[in-house]
Amino acid sequence: MREILGDLQRWRRQGRRVALARVVDLEGSGPRLPGAAMAVAEDGEVAGSVSGGCVEGAVVTEALDVLATGDRRMVTFGYSDDEAFAVGLTCGGTIHLFLEPLDW
């Protein structure tokens, strides 16, 4: 979370709307532990990481939808280790994320 504070402060000064995604649970292997965070500004700019790249694009899509609807949500992304390796991902396992619009 600390790694994205500078970007969050800048976006707040600029009056930008932001969604925050946080890892809340992990099953199996994964590159980021619970507590890892990623912020997405309304224009798609990203700070931080929740998966080391495996699902970041899908998380951006979910975050922009959270900004559009204002709804908080849990989302889950997962691959078995074999499936992940087959499609060229370095991580398997399942991550559970909580996404919410950031209320300044």
N, C-alpha and C. Protein backbone atom coordinates (compact mmCIF):
# COMPACT_ATOMS: atom_id res chain seq x y z
N MET A 1 0.83 -1.19 0.00
CA MET A 1 0.00 0.00 0.00
C MET A 1 0.87 1.25 0.00
N ARG A 2 1.97 1.21 0.72
CA ARG A 2 2.84 2.40 0.80
C ARG A 2 3.37 2.81 -0.57
N GLU A 3 3.59 1.81 -1.44
CA GLU A 3 4.17 2.10 -2.74
C GLU A 3 3.27 2.95 -3.63
N ILE A 4 1.98 3.02 -3.33
CA ILE A 4 1.07 3.80 -4.17
C ILE A 4 0.65 5.12 -3.54
N LEU A 5 1.12 5.41 -2.34
CA LEU A 5 0.68 6.63 -1.65
C LEU A 5 1.01 7.91 -2.41
N GLY A 6 2.18 7.97 -3.01
CA GLY A 6 2.56 9.16 -3.78
C GLY A 6 1.61 9.42 -4.93
N ASP A 7 1.27 8.36 -5.66
CA ASP A 7 0.32 8.51 -6.76
C ASP A 7 -1.06 8.91 -6.25
N LEU A 8 -1.51 8.29 -5.15
CA LEU A 8 -2.81 8.64 -4.59
C LEU A 8 -2.86 10.11 -4.18
N GLN A 9 -1.80 10.59 -3.57
CA GLN A 9 -1.76 12.00 -3.16
C GLN A 9 -1.82 12.92 -4.38
N ARG A 10 -1.09 12.57 -5.42
CA ARG A 10 -1.08 13.38 -6.65
C ARG A 10 -2.47 13.39 -7.29
N TRP A 11 -3.09 12.20 -7.39
CA TRP A 11 -4.41 12.12 -7.99
C TRP A 11 -5.45 12.88 -7.18
N ARG A 12 -5.31 12.87 -5.86
CA ARG A 12 -6.25 13.62 -5.02
C ARG A 12 -6.11 15.12 -5.28
N ARG A 13 -4.86 15.60 -5.34
CA ARG A 13 -4.63 17.02 -5.65
C ARG A 13 -5.22 17.40 -7.00
N GLN A 14 -5.18 16.48 -7.95
CA GLN A 14 -5.70 16.73 -9.29
C GLN A 14 -7.21 16.55 -9.38
N GLY A 15 -7.85 16.09 -8.31
CA GLY A 15 -9.29 15.90 -8.29
C GLY A 15 -9.76 14.70 -9.09
N ARG A 16 -8.88 13.73 -9.28
CA ARG A 16 -9.23 12.55 -10.07
C ARG A 16 -9.95 11.51 -9.21
N ARG A 17 -10.89 10.82 -9.82
CA ARG A 17 -11.57 9.71 -9.15
C ARG A 17 -10.70 8.47 -9.27
N VAL A 18 -10.70 7.65 -8.22
CA VAL A 18 -9.80 6.50 -8.15
C VAL A 18 -10.53 5.31 -7.55
N ALA A 19 -10.23 4.12 -8.09
CA ALA A 19 -10.70 2.87 -7.49
C ALA A 19 -9.48 2.15 -6.92
N LEU A 20 -9.70 1.48 -5.81
CA LEU A 20 -8.64 0.76 -5.13
C LEU A 20 -8.97 -0.73 -5.13
N ALA A 21 -7.99 -1.55 -5.52
CA ALA A 21 -8.13 -3.01 -5.49
C ALA A 21 -7.11 -3.54 -4.49
N ARG A 22 -7.57 -4.42 -3.58
CA ARG A 22 -6.67 -5.00 -2.59
C ARG A 22 -6.82 -6.51 -2.56
N VAL A 23 -5.69 -7.19 -2.44
CA VAL A 23 -5.72 -8.64 -2.27
C VAL A 23 -6.20 -8.91 -0.86
N VAL A 24 -7.28 -9.70 -0.74
CA VAL A 24 -7.81 -10.02 0.59
C VAL A 24 -7.63 -11.49 0.93
N ASP A 25 -7.37 -12.33 -0.08
CA ASP A 25 -7.14 -13.75 0.18
C ASP A 25 -6.40 -14.35 -1.00
N LEU A 26 -5.69 -15.42 -0.73
CA LEU A 26 -4.89 -16.10 -1.74
C LEU A 26 -5.00 -17.60 -1.49
N GLU A 27 -5.28 -18.35 -2.55
CA GLU A 27 -5.31 -19.81 -2.47
C GLU A 27 -4.24 -20.34 -3.42
N GLY A 28 -3.40 -21.21 -2.92
CA GLY A 28 -2.33 -21.73 -3.75
C GLY A 28 -1.21 -20.71 -3.91
N SER A 29 -0.51 -20.79 -5.02
CA SER A 29 0.62 -19.89 -5.24
C SER A 29 0.14 -18.57 -5.81
N GLY A 30 0.94 -17.55 -5.62
CA GLY A 30 0.63 -16.23 -6.15
C GLY A 30 1.77 -15.28 -5.84
N PRO A 31 1.96 -14.28 -6.70
CA PRO A 31 3.10 -13.39 -6.51
C PRO A 31 2.91 -12.32 -5.45
N ARG A 32 1.68 -12.00 -5.08
CA ARG A 32 1.43 -10.92 -4.12
C ARG A 32 0.57 -11.45 -2.99
N LEU A 33 0.92 -11.08 -1.79
CA LEU A 33 0.22 -11.53 -0.59
C LEU A 33 -0.97 -10.64 -0.26
N PRO A 34 -1.88 -11.11 0.59
CA PRO A 34 -2.96 -10.24 1.04
C PRO A 34 -2.40 -8.92 1.58
N GLY A 35 -3.09 -7.86 1.22
CA GLY A 35 -2.64 -6.52 1.57
C GLY A 35 -2.06 -5.77 0.38
N ALA A 36 -1.61 -6.51 -0.64
CA ALA A 36 -1.09 -5.86 -1.85
C ALA A 36 -2.21 -5.02 -2.46
N ALA A 37 -1.86 -3.87 -3.01
CA ALA A 37 -2.87 -2.95 -3.51
C ALA A 37 -2.49 -2.39 -4.87
N MET A 38 -3.54 -2.06 -5.62
CA MET A 38 -3.40 -1.41 -6.92
C MET A 38 -4.47 -0.34 -7.00
N ALA A 39 -4.10 0.84 -7.45
CA ALA A 39 -5.06 1.92 -7.62
C ALA A 39 -5.17 2.22 -9.11
N VAL A 40 -6.40 2.54 -9.53
CA VAL A 40 -6.66 2.86 -10.93
C VAL A 40 -7.40 4.19 -10.98
N ALA A 41 -6.80 5.16 -11.66
CA ALA A 41 -7.45 6.46 -11.83
C ALA A 41 -8.48 6.36 -12.95
N GLU A 42 -9.39 7.32 -12.98
CA GLU A 42 -10.50 7.29 -13.93
C GLU A 42 -10.05 7.28 -15.38
N ASP A 43 -8.83 7.73 -15.67
CA ASP A 43 -8.33 7.72 -17.04
C ASP A 43 -7.54 6.45 -17.36
N GLY A 44 -7.51 5.50 -16.40
CA GLY A 44 -6.83 4.23 -16.63
C GLY A 44 -5.40 4.18 -16.14
N GLU A 45 -4.88 5.28 -15.61
CA GLU A 45 -3.53 5.25 -15.05
C GLU A 45 -3.51 4.33 -13.83
N VAL A 46 -2.45 3.54 -13.71
CA VAL A 46 -2.36 2.51 -12.68
C VAL A 46 -1.16 2.75 -11.78
N ALA A 47 -1.34 2.47 -10.50
CA ALA A 47 -0.23 2.47 -9.53
C ALA A 47 -0.34 1.18 -8.72
N GLY A 48 0.78 0.52 -8.50
CA GLY A 48 0.80 -0.68 -7.70
C GLY A 48 0.48 -1.92 -8.52
N SER A 49 0.37 -3.05 -7.81
CA SER A 49 0.13 -4.32 -8.46
C SER A 49 -0.52 -5.28 -7.47
N VAL A 50 -1.44 -6.10 -7.99
CA VAL A 50 -2.07 -7.12 -7.15
C VAL A 50 -1.68 -8.53 -7.58
N SER A 51 -1.02 -8.65 -8.73
CA SER A 51 -0.69 -10.00 -9.20
C SER A 51 0.64 -10.09 -9.92
N GLY A 52 1.41 -9.04 -9.94
CA GLY A 52 2.67 -9.10 -10.65
C GLY A 52 2.50 -9.17 -12.16
N GLY A 53 1.32 -8.84 -12.67
CA GLY A 53 1.09 -8.79 -14.10
C GLY A 53 0.14 -9.84 -14.63
N CYS A 54 -0.14 -10.88 -13.87
CA CYS A 54 -0.97 -11.99 -14.37
C CYS A 54 -2.39 -11.55 -14.73
N VAL A 55 -3.00 -10.71 -13.93
CA VAL A 55 -4.40 -10.33 -14.17
C VAL A 55 -4.61 -8.82 -14.11
N GLU A 56 -3.55 -8.05 -14.18
CA GLU A 56 -3.69 -6.60 -14.00
C GLU A 56 -4.67 -5.97 -15.00
N GLY A 57 -4.65 -6.40 -16.25
CA GLY A 57 -5.56 -5.83 -17.25
C GLY A 57 -7.01 -6.03 -16.88
N ALA A 58 -7.34 -7.22 -16.40
CA ALA A 58 -8.71 -7.51 -15.99
C ALA A 58 -9.08 -6.70 -14.75
N VAL A 59 -8.13 -6.47 -13.87
CA VAL A 59 -8.39 -5.67 -12.67
C VAL A 59 -8.66 -4.22 -13.05
N VAL A 60 -7.94 -3.69 -14.03
CA VAL A 60 -8.20 -2.33 -14.50
C VAL A 60 -9.63 -2.23 -15.01
N THR A 61 -10.07 -3.20 -15.80
CA THR A 61 -11.44 -3.20 -16.32
C THR A 61 -12.45 -3.21 -15.18
N GLU A 62 -12.23 -4.06 -14.18
CA GLU A 62 -13.13 -4.11 -13.02
C GLU A 62 -13.11 -2.79 -12.26
N ALA A 63 -11.94 -2.21 -12.09
CA ALA A 63 -11.82 -0.95 -11.34
C ALA A 63 -12.55 0.19 -12.05
N LEU A 64 -12.42 0.26 -13.36
CA LEU A 64 -13.12 1.31 -14.10
C LEU A 64 -14.63 1.12 -14.01
N ASP A 65 -15.08 -0.13 -13.98
CA ASP A 65 -16.50 -0.39 -13.80
C ASP A 65 -16.97 0.02 -12.40
N VAL A 66 -16.13 -0.21 -11.40
CA VAL A 66 -16.43 0.23 -10.03
C VAL A 66 -16.59 1.75 -10.00
N LEU A 67 -15.73 2.45 -10.71
CA LEU A 67 -15.86 3.91 -10.77
C LEU A 67 -17.14 4.33 -11.48
N ALA A 68 -17.52 3.60 -12.52
CA ALA A 68 -18.72 3.94 -13.27
C ALA A 68 -19.99 3.68 -12.48
N THR A 69 -20.00 2.61 -11.69
CA THR A 69 -21.22 2.23 -10.97
C THR A 69 -21.24 2.69 -9.52
N GLY A 70 -20.05 2.88 -8.94
CA GLY A 70 -19.97 3.23 -7.53
C GLY A 70 -20.10 2.04 -6.61
N ASP A 71 -20.24 0.84 -7.19
CA ASP A 71 -20.43 -0.38 -6.40
C ASP A 71 -19.10 -0.98 -5.95
N ARG A 72 -19.04 -1.39 -4.71
CA ARG A 72 -17.91 -2.16 -4.20
C ARG A 72 -18.14 -3.61 -4.57
N ARG A 73 -17.05 -4.37 -4.73
CA ARG A 73 -17.24 -5.78 -5.08
C ARG A 73 -16.02 -6.62 -4.78
N MET A 74 -16.29 -7.90 -4.63
CA MET A 74 -15.24 -8.91 -4.54
C MET A 74 -15.12 -9.54 -5.91
N VAL A 75 -13.90 -9.76 -6.36
CA VAL A 75 -13.66 -10.47 -7.61
C VAL A 75 -12.60 -11.53 -7.36
N THR A 76 -12.68 -12.59 -8.12
CA THR A 76 -11.75 -13.70 -7.97
C THR A 76 -11.15 -14.03 -9.32
N PHE A 77 -9.84 -14.22 -9.33
CA PHE A 77 -9.13 -14.64 -10.53
C PHE A 77 -8.30 -15.85 -10.16
N GLY A 78 -8.32 -16.86 -11.01
CA GLY A 78 -7.53 -18.03 -10.66
C GLY A 78 -7.22 -18.92 -11.83
N TYR A 79 -6.10 -19.57 -11.71
CA TYR A 79 -5.63 -20.59 -12.64
C TYR A 79 -4.98 -21.68 -11.82
N SER A 80 -5.09 -22.90 -12.26
CA SER A 80 -4.27 -23.93 -11.64
C SER A 80 -2.84 -23.67 -12.09
N ASP A 81 -1.87 -24.19 -11.36
CA ASP A 81 -0.47 -24.00 -11.75
C ASP A 81 -0.23 -24.51 -13.17
N ASP A 82 -0.82 -25.64 -13.55
CA ASP A 82 -0.64 -26.20 -14.89
C ASP A 82 -1.26 -25.30 -15.95
N GLU A 83 -2.48 -24.79 -15.69
CA GLU A 83 -3.13 -23.89 -16.65
C GLU A 83 -2.32 -22.61 -16.82
N ALA A 84 -1.83 -22.07 -15.71
CA ALA A 84 -1.05 -20.83 -15.77
C ALA A 84 0.20 -21.04 -16.62
N PHE A 85 0.90 -22.13 -16.39
CA PHE A 85 2.12 -22.41 -17.15
C PHE A 85 1.80 -22.58 -18.63
N ALA A 86 0.68 -23.22 -18.95
CA ALA A 86 0.31 -23.49 -20.34
C ALA A 86 0.06 -22.20 -21.12
N VAL A 87 -0.44 -21.16 -20.46
CA VAL A 87 -0.70 -19.90 -21.16
C VAL A 87 0.42 -18.88 -20.94
N GLY A 88 1.51 -19.30 -20.35
CA GLY A 88 2.68 -18.44 -20.21
C GLY A 88 2.69 -17.56 -18.98
N LEU A 89 1.84 -17.82 -18.01
CA LEU A 89 1.85 -17.04 -16.77
C LEU A 89 2.82 -17.67 -15.79
N THR A 90 3.40 -16.84 -14.96
CA THR A 90 4.38 -17.34 -14.00
C THR A 90 3.74 -17.75 -12.69
N CYS A 91 2.45 -17.49 -12.53
CA CYS A 91 1.81 -17.82 -11.26
C CYS A 91 0.54 -18.60 -11.50
N GLY A 92 0.24 -19.48 -10.59
CA GLY A 92 -1.04 -20.16 -10.59
C GLY A 92 -1.80 -19.67 -9.38
N GLY A 93 -2.66 -20.49 -8.83
CA GLY A 93 -3.39 -20.12 -7.64
C GLY A 93 -4.57 -19.22 -7.95
N THR A 94 -5.23 -18.81 -6.89
CA THR A 94 -6.42 -17.98 -6.99
C THR A 94 -6.26 -16.79 -6.06
N ILE A 95 -6.55 -15.59 -6.59
CA ILE A 95 -6.51 -14.40 -5.74
C ILE A 95 -7.93 -13.83 -5.64
N HIS A 96 -8.26 -13.36 -4.45
CA HIS A 96 -9.54 -12.73 -4.18
C HIS A 96 -9.24 -11.26 -3.89
N LEU A 97 -9.91 -10.38 -4.63
CA LEU A 97 -9.69 -8.95 -4.51
C LEU A 97 -10.96 -8.25 -4.06
N PHE A 98 -10.78 -7.18 -3.28
CA PHE A 98 -11.87 -6.30 -2.93
C PHE A 98 -11.62 -4.98 -3.66
N LEU A 99 -12.59 -4.54 -4.45
CA LEU A 99 -12.46 -3.29 -5.18
C LEU A 99 -13.50 -2.30 -4.69
N GLU A 100 -13.07 -1.04 -4.56
CA GLU A 100 -13.99 0.00 -4.11
C GLU A 100 -13.52 1.34 -4.64
N PRO A 101 -14.48 2.25 -4.86
CA PRO A 101 -14.09 3.62 -5.21
C PRO A 101 -13.47 4.26 -3.98
N LEU A 102 -12.42 5.01 -4.17
CA LEU A 102 -11.76 5.68 -3.06
C LEU A 102 -12.52 6.96 -2.75
N ASP A 103 -12.91 7.12 -1.51
CA ASP A 103 -13.66 8.30 -1.10
C ASP A 103 -12.67 9.26 -0.43
N TRP A 104 -12.36 10.33 -1.13
CA TRP A 104 -11.39 11.29 -0.58
C TRP A 104 -11.95 11.93 0.68
